[in-house]
Amino acid sequence: MKNWHTTFVVGIVVAIVVALLLFRGSPAAAPEEDYPTRTINLYIGSPPGGSLDLSGRVLAERLVSTLGEQVVIVNKPG
């Protein structure tokens, strides 16, 4: 009798193979060349001036240089 570890690993491998076969030809999986086409909102769950806000602003600068699209920081503390 197989132990449960072997059965678990085989199940994971089968699930990955099935997922790859299902999404291989999907048109939704193909990236669009002109994406993104509008402003990106980056929501941060802390008030302005905190460490998360500063990290988010650094990330936003890198996104602007990488994607070439405007990134707006939206602080939503809560």
C-alpha atoms as a PDB file:
ATOM      1  CA  MET A   1       0.000   0.000   0.000  1.00  0.00           C
ATOM      2  CA  LYS A   2       1.307   3.456  -0.919  1.00  0.00           C
ATOM      3  CA  ASN A   3       1.828   5.983   1.796  1.00  0.00           C
ATOM      4  CA  TRP A   4      -0.174   9.207   1.682  1.00  0.00           C
ATOM      5  CA  HIS A   5       2.895  11.300   0.727  1.00  0.00           C
ATOM      6  CA  THR A   6       3.263   9.519  -2.598  1.00  0.00           C
ATOM      7  CA  THR A   7      -0.443   9.808  -3.344  1.00  0.00           C
ATOM      8  CA  PHE A   8      -0.367  13.516  -2.484  1.00  0.00           C
ATOM      9  CA  VAL A   9       2.623  14.221  -4.760  1.00  0.00           C
ATOM     10  CA  VAL A  10       1.079  12.279  -7.644  1.00  0.00           C
ATOM     11  CA  GLY A  11      -2.167  14.221  -7.186  1.00  0.00           C
ATOM     12  CA  ILE A  12      -0.336  17.561  -7.283  1.00  0.00           C
ATOM     13  CA  VAL A  13       1.572  16.567 -10.431  1.00  0.00           C
ATOM     14  CA  VAL A  14      -1.645  15.463 -12.155  1.00  0.00           C
ATOM     15  CA  ALA A  15      -3.360  18.745 -11.199  1.00  0.00           C
ATOM     16  CA  ILE A  16      -0.459  20.796 -12.617  1.00  0.00           C
ATOM     17  CA  VAL A  17      -0.448  18.844 -15.881  1.00  0.00           C
ATOM     18  CA  VAL A  18      -4.221  19.242 -16.273  1.00  0.00           C
ATOM     19  CA  ALA A  19      -3.989  22.982 -15.563  1.00  0.00           C
ATOM     20  CA  LEU A  20      -1.215  23.409 -18.138  1.00  0.00           C
ATOM     21  CA  LEU A  21      -3.211  21.524 -20.766  1.00  0.00           C
ATOM     22  CA  LEU A  22      -6.365  23.551 -20.095  1.00  0.00           C
ATOM     23  CA  PHE A  23      -4.691  26.967 -20.222  1.00  0.00           C
ATOM     24  CA  ARG A  24      -2.178  26.259 -22.984  1.00  0.00           C
ATOM     25  CA  GLY A  25      -4.265  27.581 -25.855  1.00  0.00           C
ATOM     26  CA  SER A  26      -6.421  30.011 -23.933  1.00  0.00           C
ATOM     27  CA  PRO A  27      -6.604  33.458 -25.563  1.00  0.00           C
ATOM     28  CA  ALA A  28      -6.970  35.039 -22.105  1.00  0.00           C
ATOM     29  CA  ALA A  29      -3.516  33.737 -21.188  1.00  0.00           C
ATOM     30  CA  ALA A  30      -1.882  35.644 -24.055  1.00  0.00           C
ATOM     31  CA  PRO A  31      -0.737  39.116 -22.953  1.00  0.00           C
ATOM     32  CA  GLU A  32      -1.865  42.127 -24.924  1.00  0.00           C
ATOM     33  CA  GLU A  33       0.834  44.284 -26.444  1.00  0.00           C
ATOM     34  CA  ASP A  34      -0.697  47.617 -25.401  1.00  0.00           C
ATOM     35  CA  TYR A  35      -1.447  46.713 -21.764  1.00  0.00           C
ATOM     36  CA  PRO A  36      -1.891  48.756 -19.567  1.00  0.00           C
ATOM     37  CA  THR A  37      -3.852  51.409 -21.403  1.00  0.00           C
ATOM     38  CA  ARG A  38      -4.928  53.628 -18.510  1.00  0.00           C
ATOM     39  CA  THR A  39      -3.838  54.931 -15.117  1.00  0.00           C
ATOM     40  CA  ILE A  40      -3.011  52.292 -12.488  1.00  0.00           C
ATOM     41  CA  ASN A  41      -4.327  52.794  -8.940  1.00  0.00           C
ATOM     42  CA  LEU A  42      -2.077  51.354  -6.238  1.00  0.00           C
ATOM     43  CA  TYR A  43      -4.095  50.962  -3.024  1.00  0.00           C
ATOM     44  CA  ILE A  44      -2.166  51.107   0.243  1.00  0.00           C
ATOM     45  CA  GLY A  45      -3.874  50.109   3.489  1.00  0.00           C
ATOM     46  CA  SER A  46      -2.185  52.666   5.725  1.00  0.00           C
ATOM     47  CA  PRO A  47      -2.222  56.442   6.208  1.00  0.00           C
ATOM     48  CA  PRO A  48       0.192  58.632   4.229  1.00  0.00           C
ATOM     49  CA  GLY A  49       3.721  58.930   5.599  1.00  0.00           C
ATOM     50  CA  GLY A  50       3.977  55.437   7.081  1.00  0.00           C
ATOM     51  CA  SER A  51       6.422  52.734   6.110  1.00  0.00           C
ATOM     52  CA  LEU A  52       3.903  50.990   3.837  1.00  0.00           C
ATOM     53  CA  ASP A  53       3.167  54.285   2.099  1.00  0.00           C
ATOM     54  CA  LEU A  54       6.855  54.943   1.474  1.00  0.00           C
ATOM     55  CA  SER A  55       7.401  51.409   0.175  1.00  0.00           C
ATOM     56  CA  GLY A  56       4.378  51.774  -2.081  1.00  0.00           C
ATOM     57  CA  ARG A  57       5.708  55.022  -3.512  1.00  0.00           C
ATOM     58  CA  VAL A  58       9.046  53.384  -4.337  1.00  0.00           C
ATOM     59  CA  LEU A  59       7.151  50.531  -6.005  1.00  0.00           C
ATOM     60  CA  ALA A  60       5.024  53.039  -7.941  1.00  0.00           C
ATOM     61  CA  GLU A  61       8.135  54.764  -9.298  1.00  0.00           C
ATOM     62  CA  ARG A  62       9.484  51.453 -10.544  1.00  0.00           C
ATOM     63  CA  LEU A  63       6.141  50.551 -12.097  1.00  0.00           C
ATOM     64  CA  VAL A  64       6.080  53.863 -13.971  1.00  0.00           C
ATOM     65  CA  SER A  65       9.544  53.230 -15.410  1.00  0.00           C
ATOM     66  CA  THR A  66       8.758  49.601 -16.235  1.00  0.00           C
ATOM     67  CA  LEU A  67       5.217  49.901 -17.613  1.00  0.00           C
ATOM     68  CA  GLY A  68       5.346  53.451 -18.916  1.00  0.00           C
ATOM     69  CA  GLU A  69       1.953  54.276 -17.432  1.00  0.00           C
ATOM     70  CA  GLN A  70       0.962  56.661 -14.642  1.00  0.00           C
ATOM     71  CA  VAL A  71       0.574  55.082 -11.177  1.00  0.00           C
ATOM     72  CA  VAL A  72      -1.610  56.835  -8.585  1.00  0.00           C
ATOM     73  CA  ILE A  73      -1.174  56.057  -4.882  1.00  0.00           C
ATOM     74  CA  VAL A  74      -4.521  55.700  -3.057  1.00  0.00           C
ATOM     75  CA  ASN A  75      -4.271  55.479   0.748  1.00  0.00           C
ATOM     76  CA  LYS A  76      -7.154  53.559   2.377  1.00  0.00           C
ATOM     77  CA  PRO A  77      -6.320  53.137   6.062  1.00  0.00           C
ATOM     78  CA  GLY A  78      -8.488  50.730   7.909  1.00  0.00           C
END
